[in-house]
Amino acid sequence: MRDPTRIDAILGKLKVVWEKSPDLRFLQLVHNLQHDHGLGSREQVTWRKKVSIGGEIVEKEFPGQVLYDGFNVEDEVLLTALEKEIKNHGR
């Protein structure tokens, strides 16, 4: 069983980091942490979408979208990233 005290440790550090950027929505904060600290796997994808251009339906590509998957990030790795974020941005 995982140590339940990790919950308060993570939430406390997450609160400190989020208070530095209170205008961010929660998932923006999570995305930025994933990007800045390499949390989880990263995949670049191209989206295809049908759009109307001049009354004609065409398929358009939107390349370069980046998706992060943090499902397998261990709590200790997240704690380390939060500690680095706090150290790098003061407080």
N, C-alpha and C. Protein backbone atom coordinates (compact mmCIF):
# COMPACT_ATOMS: atom_id res chain seq x y z
N MET A 1 0.85 -1.19 0.00
CA MET A 1 0.00 0.00 0.00
C MET A 1 0.88 1.24 0.00
N ARG A 2 0.47 2.22 -0.75
CA ARG A 2 1.22 3.48 -0.80
C ARG A 2 1.02 4.27 0.49
N ASP A 3 2.04 5.03 0.82
CA ASP A 3 2.02 5.84 2.04
C ASP A 3 1.01 6.97 1.89
N PRO A 4 -0.05 6.99 2.69
CA PRO A 4 -1.07 8.03 2.54
C PRO A 4 -0.57 9.44 2.89
N THR A 5 0.55 9.56 3.58
CA THR A 5 1.04 10.91 3.91
C THR A 5 1.53 11.64 2.66
N ARG A 6 1.77 10.91 1.57
CA ARG A 6 2.22 11.55 0.33
C ARG A 6 1.17 12.51 -0.21
N ILE A 7 -0.09 12.25 0.12
CA ILE A 7 -1.18 13.09 -0.39
C ILE A 7 -1.03 14.52 0.10
N ASP A 8 -0.88 14.69 1.40
CA ASP A 8 -0.71 16.04 1.95
C ASP A 8 0.57 16.69 1.44
N ALA A 9 1.63 15.89 1.31
CA ALA A 9 2.91 16.43 0.82
C ALA A 9 2.75 16.96 -0.60
N ILE A 10 2.10 16.19 -1.47
CA ILE A 10 1.90 16.62 -2.87
C ILE A 10 0.98 17.83 -2.92
N LEU A 11 -0.14 17.76 -2.22
CA LEU A 11 -1.10 18.87 -2.26
C LEU A 11 -0.51 20.16 -1.70
N GLY A 12 0.30 20.05 -0.64
CA GLY A 12 0.93 21.24 -0.06
C GLY A 12 1.87 21.91 -1.05
N LYS A 13 2.70 21.11 -1.73
CA LYS A 13 3.63 21.67 -2.71
C LYS A 13 2.89 22.19 -3.94
N LEU A 14 1.85 21.47 -4.35
CA LEU A 14 1.05 21.91 -5.49
C LEU A 14 0.40 23.26 -5.18
N LYS A 15 -0.06 23.45 -3.96
CA LYS A 15 -0.67 24.72 -3.55
C LYS A 15 0.34 25.85 -3.65
N VAL A 16 1.56 25.62 -3.20
CA VAL A 16 2.61 26.65 -3.28
C VAL A 16 2.88 27.02 -4.73
N VAL A 17 3.00 26.00 -5.59
CA VAL A 17 3.27 26.26 -7.01
C VAL A 17 2.11 27.01 -7.66
N TRP A 18 0.89 26.58 -7.39
CA TRP A 18 -0.28 27.19 -8.02
C TRP A 18 -0.47 28.62 -7.55
N GLU A 19 -0.17 28.91 -6.29
CA GLU A 19 -0.31 30.28 -5.78
C GLU A 19 0.64 31.25 -6.49
N LYS A 20 1.72 30.73 -7.08
CA LYS A 20 2.64 31.57 -7.86
C LYS A 20 2.01 32.00 -9.18
N SER A 21 1.04 31.25 -9.67
CA SER A 21 0.37 31.53 -10.94
C SER A 21 -1.14 31.35 -10.78
N PRO A 22 -1.76 32.18 -9.96
CA PRO A 22 -3.17 31.96 -9.63
C PRO A 22 -4.14 32.14 -10.80
N ASP A 23 -3.68 32.75 -11.89
CA ASP A 23 -4.56 32.92 -13.04
C ASP A 23 -4.66 31.66 -13.89
N LEU A 24 -3.77 30.70 -13.66
CA LEU A 24 -3.85 29.44 -14.41
C LEU A 24 -5.01 28.59 -13.91
N ARG A 25 -5.69 27.95 -14.85
CA ARG A 25 -6.66 26.94 -14.46
C ARG A 25 -5.87 25.70 -14.04
N PHE A 26 -6.50 24.81 -13.27
CA PHE A 26 -5.79 23.67 -12.71
C PHE A 26 -5.12 22.82 -13.80
N LEU A 27 -5.87 22.49 -14.84
CA LEU A 27 -5.28 21.63 -15.87
C LEU A 27 -4.22 22.34 -16.69
N GLN A 28 -4.26 23.67 -16.77
CA GLN A 28 -3.15 24.41 -17.38
C GLN A 28 -1.90 24.24 -16.53
N LEU A 29 -2.07 24.33 -15.22
CA LEU A 29 -0.95 24.15 -14.31
C LEU A 29 -0.36 22.75 -14.47
N VAL A 30 -1.21 21.74 -14.52
CA VAL A 30 -0.75 20.37 -14.69
C VAL A 30 -0.01 20.22 -16.02
N HIS A 31 -0.57 20.76 -17.08
CA HIS A 31 0.07 20.69 -18.39
C HIS A 31 1.46 21.35 -18.36
N ASN A 32 1.54 22.52 -17.76
CA ASN A 32 2.83 23.22 -17.68
C ASN A 32 3.86 22.43 -16.88
N LEU A 33 3.42 21.82 -15.79
CA LEU A 33 4.34 20.99 -14.99
C LEU A 33 4.82 19.79 -15.81
N GLN A 34 3.91 19.17 -16.54
CA GLN A 34 4.31 18.04 -17.38
C GLN A 34 5.33 18.47 -18.43
N HIS A 35 5.06 19.58 -19.07
CA HIS A 35 5.96 20.08 -20.12
C HIS A 35 7.30 20.50 -19.55
N ASP A 36 7.28 21.30 -18.51
CA ASP A 36 8.51 21.88 -17.96
C ASP A 36 9.41 20.86 -17.28
N HIS A 37 8.82 19.78 -16.77
CA HIS A 37 9.60 18.81 -16.00
C HIS A 37 9.62 17.41 -16.64
N GLY A 38 9.13 17.30 -17.86
CA GLY A 38 9.17 16.02 -18.57
C GLY A 38 8.42 14.91 -17.87
N LEU A 39 7.29 15.25 -17.28
CA LEU A 39 6.50 14.24 -16.56
C LEU A 39 5.64 13.45 -17.55
N GLY A 40 5.79 12.15 -17.54
CA GLY A 40 4.98 11.30 -18.40
C GLY A 40 5.52 11.20 -19.80
N SER A 41 4.81 10.48 -20.62
CA SER A 41 5.22 10.33 -22.01
C SER A 41 4.64 11.48 -22.83
N ARG A 42 5.33 11.79 -23.91
CA ARG A 42 4.94 12.91 -24.76
C ARG A 42 4.78 12.40 -26.18
N GLU A 43 3.72 12.81 -26.83
CA GLU A 43 3.48 12.40 -28.21
C GLU A 43 3.02 13.61 -29.01
N GLN A 44 3.63 13.78 -30.18
CA GLN A 44 3.21 14.85 -31.08
C GLN A 44 2.27 14.26 -32.11
N VAL A 45 1.14 14.88 -32.29
CA VAL A 45 0.12 14.35 -33.19
C VAL A 45 -0.34 15.43 -34.16
N THR A 46 -0.95 14.98 -35.23
CA THR A 46 -1.58 15.87 -36.19
C THR A 46 -3.07 15.57 -36.19
N TRP A 47 -3.86 16.60 -35.98
CA TRP A 47 -5.32 16.44 -36.00
C TRP A 47 -5.83 16.73 -37.39
N ARG A 48 -6.83 16.01 -37.83
CA ARG A 48 -7.51 16.27 -39.09
C ARG A 48 -8.96 16.59 -38.76
N LYS A 49 -9.44 17.64 -39.38
CA LYS A 49 -10.80 18.06 -39.09
C LYS A 49 -11.45 18.56 -40.36
N LYS A 50 -12.72 18.25 -40.54
CA LYS A 50 -13.46 18.77 -41.67
C LYS A 50 -13.96 20.17 -41.30
N VAL A 51 -13.66 21.13 -42.19
CA VAL A 51 -14.07 22.51 -41.95
C VAL A 51 -14.72 23.05 -43.22
N SER A 52 -15.51 24.07 -43.04
CA SER A 52 -16.17 24.72 -44.17
C SER A 52 -15.35 25.94 -44.58
N ILE A 53 -14.89 25.93 -45.82
CA ILE A 53 -14.14 27.07 -46.35
C ILE A 53 -14.86 27.52 -47.62
N GLY A 54 -15.43 28.73 -47.57
CA GLY A 54 -16.17 29.26 -48.72
C GLY A 54 -17.34 28.39 -49.12
N GLY A 55 -17.98 27.77 -48.14
CA GLY A 55 -19.13 26.93 -48.42
C GLY A 55 -18.77 25.51 -48.83
N GLU A 56 -17.48 25.23 -48.96
CA GLU A 56 -17.03 23.89 -49.34
C GLU A 56 -16.44 23.19 -48.11
N ILE A 57 -16.80 21.93 -47.92
CA ILE A 57 -16.28 21.14 -46.80
C ILE A 57 -14.95 20.51 -47.25
N VAL A 58 -13.90 20.84 -46.51
CA VAL A 58 -12.58 20.28 -46.82
C VAL A 58 -11.98 19.72 -45.53
N GLU A 59 -11.06 18.78 -45.70
CA GLU A 59 -10.35 18.23 -44.54
C GLU A 59 -9.07 19.03 -44.37
N LYS A 60 -8.86 19.54 -43.18
CA LYS A 60 -7.69 20.37 -42.90
C LYS A 60 -6.86 19.71 -41.80
N GLU A 61 -5.54 19.82 -41.90
CA GLU A 61 -4.64 19.26 -40.89
C GLU A 61 -4.19 20.35 -39.93
N PHE A 62 -4.08 19.97 -38.67
CA PHE A 62 -3.57 20.84 -37.63
C PHE A 62 -2.38 20.12 -36.99
N PRO A 63 -1.18 20.32 -37.54
CA PRO A 63 -0.01 19.58 -37.05
C PRO A 63 0.57 20.18 -35.78
N GLY A 64 1.38 19.35 -35.12
CA GLY A 64 2.18 19.85 -34.02
C GLY A 64 1.53 19.88 -32.66
N GLN A 65 0.37 19.28 -32.51
CA GLN A 65 -0.25 19.23 -31.20
C GLN A 65 0.53 18.25 -30.31
N VAL A 66 0.76 18.62 -29.06
CA VAL A 66 1.51 17.76 -28.14
C VAL A 66 0.57 17.26 -27.05
N LEU A 67 0.57 15.95 -26.87
CA LEU A 67 -0.23 15.33 -25.82
C LEU A 67 0.70 14.74 -24.77
N TYR A 68 0.33 14.87 -23.51
CA TYR A 68 1.11 14.31 -22.41
C TYR A 68 0.26 13.25 -21.72
N ASP A 69 0.92 12.17 -21.33
CA ASP A 69 0.25 11.11 -20.59
C ASP A 69 0.99 10.91 -19.27
N GLY A 70 0.38 11.35 -18.19
CA GLY A 70 1.01 11.26 -16.88
C GLY A 70 0.53 10.09 -16.05
N PHE A 71 -0.14 9.14 -16.68
CA PHE A 71 -0.76 8.04 -15.94
C PHE A 71 0.25 7.25 -15.11
N ASN A 72 1.45 7.05 -15.62
CA ASN A 72 2.43 6.21 -14.94
C ASN A 72 3.50 7.00 -14.18
N VAL A 73 3.28 8.29 -13.99
CA VAL A 73 4.25 9.09 -13.23
C VAL A 73 4.11 8.74 -11.75
N GLU A 74 5.21 8.31 -11.16
CA GLU A 74 5.20 7.96 -9.74
C GLU A 74 5.13 9.23 -8.89
N ASP A 75 4.52 9.12 -7.73
CA ASP A 75 4.34 10.27 -6.84
C ASP A 75 5.66 10.90 -6.43
N GLU A 76 6.69 10.08 -6.24
CA GLU A 76 8.00 10.62 -5.86
C GLU A 76 8.57 11.51 -6.97
N VAL A 77 8.33 11.13 -8.21
CA VAL A 77 8.79 11.93 -9.35
C VAL A 77 8.03 13.25 -9.39
N LEU A 78 6.74 13.21 -9.15
CA LEU A 78 5.94 14.43 -9.10
C LEU A 78 6.40 15.33 -7.96
N LEU A 79 6.65 14.77 -6.78
CA LEU A 79 7.13 15.56 -5.64
C LEU A 79 8.45 16.25 -5.98
N THR A 80 9.36 15.53 -6.62
CA THR A 80 10.64 16.12 -7.01
C THR A 80 10.43 17.27 -7.98
N ALA A 81 9.53 17.09 -8.95
CA ALA A 81 9.25 18.16 -9.91
C ALA A 81 8.66 19.38 -9.22
N LEU A 82 7.75 19.16 -8.27
CA LEU A 82 7.16 20.28 -7.54
C LEU A 82 8.21 21.00 -6.71
N GLU A 83 9.10 20.25 -6.08
CA GLU A 83 10.17 20.87 -5.29
C GLU A 83 11.09 21.71 -6.19
N LYS A 84 11.41 21.20 -7.38
CA LYS A 84 12.24 21.97 -8.33
C LYS A 84 11.52 23.23 -8.77
N GLU A 85 10.22 23.11 -9.02
CA GLU A 85 9.42 24.26 -9.46
C GLU A 85 9.43 25.34 -8.37
N ILE A 86 9.27 24.94 -7.13
CA ILE A 86 9.28 25.89 -6.01
C ILE A 86 10.67 26.53 -5.89
N LYS A 87 11.70 25.73 -5.98
CA LYS A 87 13.07 26.24 -5.86
C LYS A 87 13.41 27.20 -6.99
N ASN A 88 13.00 26.86 -8.20
CA ASN A 88 13.32 27.69 -9.38
C ASN A 88 12.55 29.00 -9.41
N HIS A 89 11.41 29.03 -8.75
CA HIS A 89 10.57 30.23 -8.80
C HIS A 89 10.40 30.90 -7.43
N GLY A 90 11.29 30.57 -6.53
CA GLY A 90 11.29 31.25 -5.22
C GLY A 90 10.18 30.82 -4.31
N ARG A 91 10.24 31.33 -3.12
CA ARG A 91 9.28 31.18 -2.03
C ARG A 91 9.78 30.27 -0.97
